């Protein structure tokens, strides 16, 4: 009997010890979970080197509020075309490393049509969209669905030397002929070497310049609803002839046919040109403390044909979520933050970017730093969106080739535009 009691006692103590051991192990595991929190989600995004540098404050602001998410910004080339190519290649190869897609407005149709982006239509409450500028929001839609949240806007402008015009008694130009006449008057007086500088190189910048001039003549490129092509209409030919005339008459330098944005800005900022066609990014740079033209220039919308109105090509960037991301909810949080009033306000104050939200155009601190902002809201609202078609990249390439041929006298303007229209129609028919 005593042996049985001893066995029971031993078994009881053993069960107690085993239970105690299990309890201790459980406590250790739970303790480790508490002591070692889950690592943050890491999201990747490809941008230009300039955007990566200027966007450091946004990354820091987001991560401070969202310690569970880290943003890895991959620095790409400077040119937007090269960034687009890298995104495109990564998606075509499959297994793209990018969770977020930083997009120029003209990439959206291609990326959405290819199925590379997450549909955000039902993810964003209507109340959250109400403050956005309609044109910027439309730039993020394809076939009625929202794929991109606009984080900064852009609309091309005509910069001019206000001091020179006032000294010469010249009013800021309103028409294409006014621009040429004012340039020639200042050149003949020895005030300036060149009149009007713009982007004539065969790249997307040339397309954007042409969109402004074409709209100023009352023309159109492609009607996205009917796919009608307007490149061989008289208005398009007149637009090309104006650009070529600026070179032929010595208003623009011969090398303008190879200029990009920075080439034009440097010449204007150095005091060697009276007028410049460029994006608003050039304003804070030209008005910096070390700029020789600080406080001497002003901006306005691009000139137009008599009886018509000015137009500005709509630019701007936005964030979309890659359909292939393993973290769609976290990526959407980043996109919403970048599009928020807080983030856009920071970006405007630090870098002079135009916001996509109406409320920020009257923000007292922003207006104090950039007095021209309130007038820009009307420009953006009336801006011209480049054709939102899935074949945009190919259509722009066609246009660039024939524009370049026309402005460098390798083709007659009318023949160039007829050829561009024919190829564009063929492209749209194939697709």
Protein backbone atom coordinates (compact mmCIF):
# COMPACT_ATOMS: atom_id res chain seq x y z
CA UNK A 1 0.00 0.00 0.00
CA UNK A 2 2.82 2.39 0.88
CA UNK A 3 4.45 1.62 -2.47
CA UNK A 4 1.25 2.58 -4.31
CA UNK A 5 1.01 5.84 -2.35
CA UNK A 6 4.64 6.63 -3.13
CA UNK A 7 4.03 5.97 -6.86
CA UNK A 8 0.99 8.24 -6.87
CA UNK A 9 2.96 10.92 -5.07
CA UNK A 10 5.80 10.61 -7.57
CA UNK A 11 3.43 10.82 -10.54
CA UNK A 12 1.72 13.82 -9.03
CA UNK A 13 5.00 15.62 -8.52
CA UNK A 14 6.03 14.71 -12.07
CA UNK A 15 2.82 16.12 -13.54
CA UNK A 16 3.35 19.23 -11.46
CA UNK A 17 6.92 19.64 -12.74
CA UNK A 18 5.90 19.02 -16.38
CA UNK A 19 3.11 21.54 -16.07
CA UNK A 20 5.45 24.02 -14.46
CA UNK A 21 7.94 23.54 -17.29
CA UNK A 22 5.23 24.09 -19.94
CA UNK A 23 4.08 27.20 -18.11
CA UNK A 24 7.60 28.54 -17.95
CA UNK A 25 8.19 27.89 -21.65
CA UNK A 26 4.94 29.60 -22.53
CA UNK A 27 5.94 32.58 -20.41
CA UNK A 28 9.31 32.75 -22.13
CA UNK A 29 7.70 32.64 -25.58
CA UNK A 30 5.16 35.31 -24.67
CA UNK A 31 7.87 37.39 -23.10
CA UNK A 32 9.92 37.18 -26.24
CA UNK A 33 6.94 38.28 -28.29
CA UNK A 34 6.52 41.30 -26.07
CA UNK A 35 10.22 42.05 -25.94
CA UNK A 36 10.75 41.55 -29.71
CA UNK A 37 7.99 43.29 -31.70
CA UNK A 38 7.34 42.38 -35.32
CA UNK A 39 9.68 44.18 -37.76
CA UNK A 40 8.11 47.01 -39.75
CA UNK A 41 6.69 46.41 -43.21
CA UNK A 42 9.13 47.62 -45.86
CA UNK A 43 7.72 49.22 -49.02
CA UNK A 44 9.76 50.17 -52.06
CA UNK A 45 9.24 53.05 -54.49
CA UNK A 46 11.31 54.16 -57.48
CA UNK A 47 11.78 57.91 -58.10
CA UNK A 48 14.22 60.22 -59.82
CA UNK A 49 17.30 61.25 -57.87
CA UNK A 50 15.85 64.76 -57.47
CA UNK A 51 12.54 63.47 -56.12
CA UNK A 52 14.40 61.16 -53.75
CA UNK A 53 16.38 64.08 -52.37
CA UNK A 54 13.42 66.47 -52.14
CA UNK A 55 11.18 63.78 -50.68
CA UNK A 56 13.26 62.96 -47.61
CA UNK A 57 11.08 65.14 -45.37
CA UNK A 58 7.92 63.36 -46.54
CA UNK A 59 9.41 59.94 -45.81
CA UNK A 60 10.50 61.07 -42.34
CA UNK A 61 7.09 62.62 -41.60
CA UNK A 62 5.24 59.46 -42.66
CA UNK A 63 7.49 57.07 -40.76
CA UNK A 64 7.24 59.19 -37.60
CA UNK A 65 3.47 58.69 -37.65
CA UNK A 66 3.60 55.12 -38.92
CA UNK A 67 6.45 53.28 -37.17
CA UNK A 68 5.13 49.96 -38.47
CA UNK A 69 6.00 50.92 -42.07
CA UNK A 70 9.33 51.84 -43.63
CA UNK A 71 9.65 53.37 -47.10
CA UNK A 72 12.67 52.39 -49.17
CA UNK A 73 13.10 54.98 -51.91
CA UNK A 74 15.11 53.71 -54.87
CA UNK A 75 16.95 56.51 -56.69
CA UNK A 76 16.59 56.23 -60.44
CA UNK A 77 17.82 58.33 -63.37
CA UNK A 78 17.00 62.02 -63.72
CA UNK A 79 14.81 61.76 -66.81
CA UNK A 80 11.19 60.78 -66.34
CA UNK A 81 11.24 58.68 -69.52
CA UNK A 82 13.99 56.52 -68.05
CA UNK A 83 12.02 56.07 -64.80
CA UNK A 84 8.98 54.98 -66.78
CA UNK A 85 11.10 52.45 -68.68
CA UNK A 86 12.39 50.96 -65.42
CA UNK A 87 8.89 50.58 -64.01
CA UNK A 88 7.66 49.09 -67.27
CA UNK A 89 10.50 46.58 -67.47
CA UNK A 90 10.00 45.45 -63.87
CA UNK A 91 6.28 44.84 -64.42
CA UNK A 92 6.78 43.06 -67.75
CA UNK A 93 9.34 40.72 -66.22
CA UNK A 94 6.98 39.92 -63.34
CA UNK A 95 7.74 40.00 -59.64
CA UNK A 96 8.24 43.76 -59.62
CA UNK A 97 10.16 44.92 -56.53
CA UNK A 98 8.07 48.12 -56.30
CA UNK A 99 5.07 48.33 -53.97
CA UNK A 100 4.29 51.97 -54.74
CA UNK A 101 4.35 53.52 -58.20
CA UNK A 102 5.32 57.19 -58.48
CA UNK A 103 3.74 58.23 -61.79
CA UNK A 104 3.83 61.13 -64.17
CA UNK A 105 0.29 61.92 -65.27
CA UNK A 106 0.93 60.60 -68.79
CA UNK A 107 1.94 57.12 -67.60
CA UNK A 108 -1.36 56.35 -65.91
CA UNK A 109 -3.36 55.12 -68.95
CA UNK A 110 -0.66 52.66 -70.00
CA UNK A 111 -0.03 51.32 -66.50
CA UNK A 112 -3.75 50.97 -65.73
CA UNK A 113 -4.60 49.35 -69.06
CA UNK A 114 -1.80 46.81 -68.54
CA UNK A 115 -3.29 45.78 -65.19
CA UNK A 116 -0.25 46.81 -63.16
CA UNK A 117 -2.09 49.03 -60.69
CA UNK A 118 -4.55 48.41 -57.89
CA UNK A 119 -8.01 49.87 -58.45
CA UNK A 120 -8.49 52.50 -55.73
CA UNK A 121 -12.03 53.52 -56.70
CA UNK A 122 -13.74 51.91 -53.72
CA UNK A 123 -10.81 52.48 -51.36
CA UNK A 124 -11.08 56.28 -51.07
CA UNK A 125 -14.25 57.86 -49.60
CA UNK A 126 -15.83 60.55 -51.77
CA UNK A 127 -15.42 63.10 -48.96
CA UNK A 128 -11.64 62.60 -49.11
CA UNK A 129 -11.61 63.43 -52.82
CA UNK A 130 -13.67 66.61 -52.63
CA UNK A 131 -10.71 68.95 -52.04
CA UNK A 132 -8.71 67.78 -55.05
CA UNK A 133 -8.56 69.84 -58.23
CA UNK A 134 -10.80 68.07 -60.79
CA UNK A 135 -8.16 68.08 -63.52
CA UNK A 136 -5.57 66.46 -61.25
CA UNK A 137 -8.05 63.82 -60.10
CA UNK A 138 -9.06 63.09 -63.69
CA UNK A 139 -5.39 62.51 -64.43
CA UNK A 140 -5.52 59.54 -62.06
CA UNK A 141 -8.52 57.88 -63.71
CA UNK A 142 -8.72 55.40 -66.54
CA UNK A 143 -12.00 54.12 -67.96
CA UNK A 144 -13.83 55.74 -65.05
CA UNK A 145 -11.76 54.04 -62.33
CA UNK A 146 -9.26 55.67 -59.98
CA UNK A 147 -5.74 54.24 -59.99
CA UNK A 148 -3.58 57.14 -58.85
CA UNK A 149 -3.80 59.75 -56.07
CA UNK A 150 -2.40 63.13 -57.23
CA UNK A 151 0.33 64.43 -54.93
CA UNK A 152 1.48 67.51 -56.86
CA UNK A 153 0.24 69.43 -59.84
CA UNK A 154 1.93 71.23 -62.70
CA UNK A 155 0.95 73.54 -65.53
CA UNK A 156 3.36 75.16 -67.94
CA UNK A 157 3.85 78.92 -67.88
CA UNK A 158 5.49 81.76 -69.73
CA UNK A 159 8.22 83.40 -67.62
CA UNK A 160 9.21 86.93 -68.64
CA UNK A 161 11.63 89.66 -67.59
CA UNK A 162 9.23 92.14 -66.07
CA UNK A 163 11.97 94.73 -65.50
CA UNK A 164 13.00 94.73 -69.19
CA UNK A 165 9.42 95.00 -70.42
CA UNK A 166 8.67 97.91 -68.08
CA UNK A 167 11.83 99.75 -69.06
CA UNK A 168 10.96 99.37 -72.74
CA UNK A 169 7.30 100.25 -72.24
CA UNK A 170 6.18 96.83 -73.51
CA UNK A 171 3.08 95.11 -72.17
CA UNK A 172 3.35 91.38 -71.37
CA UNK A 173 2.52 89.54 -74.62
CA UNK A 174 -0.91 88.01 -75.16
CA UNK A 175 -0.59 86.58 -78.67
CA UNK A 176 2.08 84.61 -80.53
CA UNK A 177 2.85 87.66 -82.67
CA UNK A 178 3.16 89.80 -79.52
CA UNK A 179 5.76 87.39 -78.14
CA UNK A 180 7.88 87.54 -81.28
CA UNK A 181 7.56 91.33 -81.60
CA UNK A 182 8.51 91.95 -77.95
CA UNK A 183 11.48 89.60 -78.26
CA UNK A 184 12.76 91.32 -81.38
CA UNK A 185 12.35 94.78 -79.87
CA UNK A 186 14.41 93.82 -76.80
CA UNK A 187 17.01 92.11 -78.97
CA UNK A 188 17.37 95.09 -81.30
CA UNK A 189 17.78 97.40 -78.30
CA UNK A 190 20.64 95.23 -77.06
CA UNK A 191 18.76 94.40 -73.87
CA UNK A 192 18.88 90.65 -74.38
CA UNK A 193 20.69 88.17 -76.58
CA UNK A 194 17.69 85.87 -77.03
CA UNK A 195 13.97 86.39 -76.89
CA UNK A 196 12.16 83.12 -76.21
CA UNK A 197 13.62 79.83 -74.96
CA UNK A 198 11.75 76.55 -74.79
CA UNK A 199 12.25 72.77 -74.92
CA UNK A 200 12.88 71.63 -78.50
CA UNK A 201 14.71 68.36 -77.96
CA UNK A 202 13.01 65.18 -79.16
CA UNK A 203 11.57 64.10 -75.80
CA UNK A 204 8.37 64.50 -73.80
CA UNK A 205 9.18 68.11 -73.04
CA UNK A 206 8.75 68.98 -76.72
CA UNK A 207 5.35 67.30 -76.69
CA UNK A 208 4.28 69.39 -73.69
CA UNK A 209 5.40 72.65 -75.33
CA UNK A 210 3.49 71.72 -78.48
CA UNK A 211 0.33 70.94 -76.47
CA UNK A 212 0.38 74.50 -75.07
CA UNK A 213 0.93 76.08 -78.48
CA UNK A 214 -1.57 73.78 -80.21
CA UNK A 215 -4.30 74.60 -77.69
CA UNK A 216 -3.47 78.30 -78.09
CA UNK A 217 -4.30 77.95 -81.77
CA UNK A 218 -7.55 76.17 -80.91
CA UNK A 219 -6.39 72.74 -82.04
CA UNK A 220 -6.29 69.27 -80.48
CA UNK A 221 -4.09 66.18 -80.65
CA UNK A 222 -6.32 63.15 -80.00
CA UNK A 223 -9.90 63.18 -78.78
CA UNK A 224 -9.86 60.40 -76.14
CA UNK A 225 -13.57 59.67 -76.52
CA UNK A 226 -13.79 59.42 -80.31
CA UNK A 227 -10.06 58.79 -81.02
CA UNK A 228 -10.25 61.47 -83.71
CA UNK A 229 -6.77 62.78 -84.58
CA UNK A 230 -6.28 66.51 -85.15
CA UNK A 231 -2.59 66.70 -86.05
CA UNK A 232 -3.17 67.38 -89.76
CA UNK A 233 -5.67 70.18 -89.17
CA UNK A 234 -4.64 73.80 -89.96
CA UNK A 235 -4.32 74.66 -86.24
CA UNK A 236 -1.63 71.99 -85.75
CA UNK A 237 0.32 73.17 -88.78
CA UNK A 238 0.17 76.77 -87.51
CA UNK A 239 1.47 75.63 -84.11
CA UNK A 240 4.50 73.95 -85.70
CA UNK A 241 5.13 76.93 -87.94
CA UNK A 242 5.19 79.24 -84.92
CA UNK A 243 7.86 77.16 -83.18
CA UNK A 244 9.93 77.00 -86.34
CA UNK A 245 9.50 80.73 -86.92
CA UNK A 246 11.07 81.53 -83.52
CA UNK A 247 14.28 79.83 -84.68
CA UNK A 248 14.23 81.15 -88.25
CA UNK A 249 13.76 84.74 -87.07
CA UNK A 250 16.50 84.48 -84.44
CA UNK A 251 14.09 84.95 -81.53
CA UNK A 252 15.13 81.54 -80.16
CA UNK A 253 18.73 80.29 -80.28
CA UNK A 254 19.55 77.70 -82.99
CA UNK A 255 20.38 75.18 -80.27
CA UNK A 256 16.88 75.35 -78.78
CA UNK A 257 16.00 72.33 -80.92
CA UNK A 258 18.16 70.35 -78.50
CA UNK A 259 17.11 72.08 -75.26
CA UNK A 260 15.59 70.35 -72.25
CA UNK A 261 14.05 72.15 -69.25
CA UNK A 262 17.27 72.90 -67.44
CA UNK A 263 18.94 74.24 -70.58
CA UNK A 264 16.16 76.81 -70.92
CA UNK A 265 16.16 77.65 -67.21
CA UNK A 266 19.90 78.21 -66.99
CA UNK A 267 19.86 80.56 -69.97
CA UNK A 268 16.89 82.53 -68.63
CA UNK A 269 18.28 82.65 -65.11
CA UNK A 270 21.64 83.84 -66.42
CA UNK A 271 19.89 86.88 -67.90
CA UNK A 272 20.34 85.85 -71.54
CA UNK A 273 16.68 85.46 -72.53
CA UNK A 274 13.58 87.63 -72.13
CA UNK A 275 10.96 84.85 -72.19
CA UNK A 276 10.98 81.21 -71.10
CA UNK A 277 8.46 78.41 -71.55
CA UNK A 278 8.79 76.11 -68.53
CA UNK A 279 7.15 74.44 -65.55
CA UNK A 280 6.65 76.22 -62.19
CA UNK A 281 9.62 74.38 -60.64
CA UNK A 282 11.80 77.04 -62.26
CA UNK A 283 10.22 79.86 -60.21
CA UNK A 284 11.84 79.23 -56.80
CA UNK A 285 15.17 78.44 -58.46
CA UNK A 286 15.14 81.64 -60.53
CA UNK A 287 14.05 83.66 -57.51
CA UNK A 288 16.61 82.23 -55.08
CA UNK A 289 18.89 84.59 -53.19
CA UNK A 290 21.86 83.74 -55.41
CA UNK A 291 19.92 84.16 -58.66
CA UNK A 292 20.92 87.19 -60.77
CA UNK A 293 17.28 87.69 -61.81
CA UNK A 294 15.73 87.49 -58.34
CA UNK A 295 12.70 89.78 -58.20
CA UNK A 296 13.11 90.81 -61.84
CA UNK A 297 10.75 88.40 -63.58
CA UNK A 298 7.08 87.45 -63.56
CA UNK A 299 4.91 84.65 -64.94
CA UNK A 300 1.74 84.35 -66.98
CA UNK A 301 -0.13 81.81 -69.05
CA UNK A 302 1.23 81.00 -72.49
CA UNK A 303 0.29 83.27 -75.37
CA UNK A 304 -2.45 82.39 -77.87
CA UNK A 305 -3.83 83.23 -81.31
CA UNK A 306 -6.01 86.35 -81.65
CA UNK A 307 -9.55 85.78 -80.45
CA UNK A 308 -8.65 82.58 -78.60
CA UNK A 309 -7.51 81.86 -75.05
CA UNK A 310 -4.33 80.66 -73.38
CA UNK A 311 -3.84 77.05 -72.42
CA UNK A 312 -1.39 75.18 -70.23
CA UNK A 313 -0.34 71.57 -70.53
CA UNK A 314 -1.26 69.71 -67.34
CA UNK A 315 1.58 67.92 -65.64
CA UNK A 316 1.94 66.52 -62.18
CA UNK A 317 2.77 63.37 -60.26
CA UNK A 318 0.83 60.92 -58.20
CA UNK A 319 1.11 57.66 -56.30
CA UNK A 320 -0.47 54.37 -57.23
CA UNK A 321 -0.29 50.95 -55.59
CA UNK A 322 1.27 48.09 -57.53
CA UNK A 323 -1.19 45.26 -58.01
CA UNK A 324 1.64 42.82 -57.29
CA UNK A 325 2.45 44.21 -53.83
CA UNK A 326 2.26 41.88 -50.86
CA UNK A 327 1.19 44.81 -48.65
CA UNK A 328 -1.68 46.66 -50.37
CA UNK A 329 -3.12 48.17 -47.17
CA UNK A 330 0.23 49.58 -46.04
CA UNK A 331 0.97 50.92 -49.52
CA UNK A 332 -2.42 52.64 -49.65
CA UNK A 333 -1.65 54.35 -46.35
CA UNK A 334 1.51 55.80 -47.88
CA UNK A 335 -0.31 57.01 -51.00
CA UNK A 336 -3.04 58.64 -48.91
CA UNK A 337 -0.46 60.39 -46.75
CA UNK A 338 1.49 61.76 -49.73
CA UNK A 339 -1.79 63.11 -51.16
CA UNK A 340 -2.89 64.58 -47.83
CA UNK A 341 -2.99 68.34 -47.11
CA UNK A 342 -0.22 67.92 -44.55
CA UNK A 343 2.21 66.27 -46.95
CA UNK A 344 1.40 68.53 -49.89
CA UNK A 345 1.79 71.61 -47.73
CA UNK A 346 5.26 70.43 -46.69
CA UNK A 347 6.18 69.71 -50.30
CA UNK A 348 4.95 73.11 -51.46
CA UNK A 349 6.82 75.03 -48.76
CA UNK A 350 10.07 73.13 -49.23
CA UNK A 351 10.14 72.68 -53.01
CA UNK A 352 7.62 75.12 -54.50
CA UNK A 353 5.48 72.37 -56.01
CA UNK A 354 1.90 73.18 -56.88
CA UNK A 355 -0.55 71.27 -54.69
CA UNK A 356 -3.46 69.23 -56.03
CA UNK A 357 -5.76 70.40 -53.23
CA UNK A 358 -7.75 73.63 -53.58
CA UNK A 359 -7.46 74.54 -49.89
CA UNK A 360 -3.67 74.93 -50.09
CA UNK A 361 -3.78 77.65 -52.73
CA UNK A 362 -4.98 80.06 -50.06
CA UNK A 363 -2.78 78.77 -47.24
CA UNK A 364 -1.30 81.88 -45.61
CA UNK A 365 2.22 80.51 -45.14
CA UNK A 366 2.42 79.14 -48.68
CA UNK A 367 1.08 82.38 -50.21
CA UNK A 368 3.53 84.43 -48.13
CA UNK A 369 6.40 82.46 -49.64
CA UNK A 370 4.93 82.10 -53.15
CA UNK A 371 2.58 85.04 -53.85
CA UNK A 372 1.76 83.69 -57.32
CA UNK A 373 0.10 80.51 -55.98
CA UNK A 374 -3.50 81.84 -55.83
CA UNK A 375 -3.40 82.78 -59.51
CA UNK A 376 -2.09 79.33 -60.40
CA UNK A 377 -5.27 77.62 -59.23
CA UNK A 378 -7.19 79.00 -62.21
CA UNK A 379 -4.38 77.92 -64.55
CA UNK A 380 -4.45 74.35 -63.27
CA UNK A 381 -8.24 74.18 -63.41
CA UNK A 382 -8.16 75.03 -67.12
CA UNK A 383 -5.08 72.98 -67.94
CA UNK A 384 -5.05 70.66 -70.95
CA UNK A 385 -4.63 66.96 -70.23
CA UNK A 386 -2.53 65.07 -72.75
CA UNK A 387 -4.61 62.28 -74.38
CA UNK A 388 -5.42 59.68 -71.68
CA UNK A 389 -5.06 56.72 -74.04
CA UNK A 390 -3.33 53.42 -73.36
CA UNK A 391 -1.05 53.97 -76.38
CA UNK A 392 0.08 57.39 -75.16
CA UNK A 393 3.80 56.58 -75.10
CA UNK A 394 3.76 55.45 -78.74
CA UNK A 395 1.58 58.39 -79.81
CA UNK A 396 3.94 60.84 -78.11
CA UNK A 397 6.95 59.21 -79.75
CA UNK A 398 5.33 59.65 -83.18
CA UNK A 399 4.57 63.30 -82.46
CA UNK A 400 8.05 64.01 -81.13
CA UNK A 401 9.74 62.57 -84.22
CA UNK A 402 7.77 64.65 -86.67
CA UNK A 403 7.89 67.81 -84.56
CA UNK A 404 11.67 67.49 -84.37
CA UNK A 405 11.87 66.98 -88.14
CA UNK A 406 9.72 70.06 -88.74
CA UNK A 407 11.45 72.51 -86.39
CA UNK A 408 14.90 71.50 -87.68
CA UNK A 409 13.81 71.98 -91.33
CA UNK A 410 14.19 68.32 -92.20
CA UNK A 411 10.52 68.27 -93.21
CA UNK A 412 7.94 70.80 -94.24
CA UNK A 413 5.54 71.58 -91.36
CA UNK A 414 2.44 70.48 -93.25
CA UNK A 415 4.02 67.27 -94.51
CA UNK A 416 5.33 66.46 -91.04
CA UNK A 417 1.94 66.88 -89.42
CA UNK A 418 0.19 64.84 -92.13
CA UNK A 419 2.66 62.02 -91.57
CA UNK A 420 2.25 62.26 -87.79
CA UNK A 421 -1.53 62.12 -88.12
CA UNK A 422 -1.38 59.11 -90.46
CA UNK A 423 0.89 57.13 -88.12
CA UNK A 424 -1.19 58.06 -85.07
CA UNK A 425 -4.40 56.86 -86.75
CA UNK A 426 -2.71 53.61 -87.70
CA UNK A 427 -1.51 53.15 -84.12
CA UNK A 428 -5.00 53.67 -82.68
CA UNK A 429 -6.54 51.36 -85.28
CA UNK A 430 -4.14 48.54 -84.42
CA UNK A 431 -5.09 48.76 -80.76
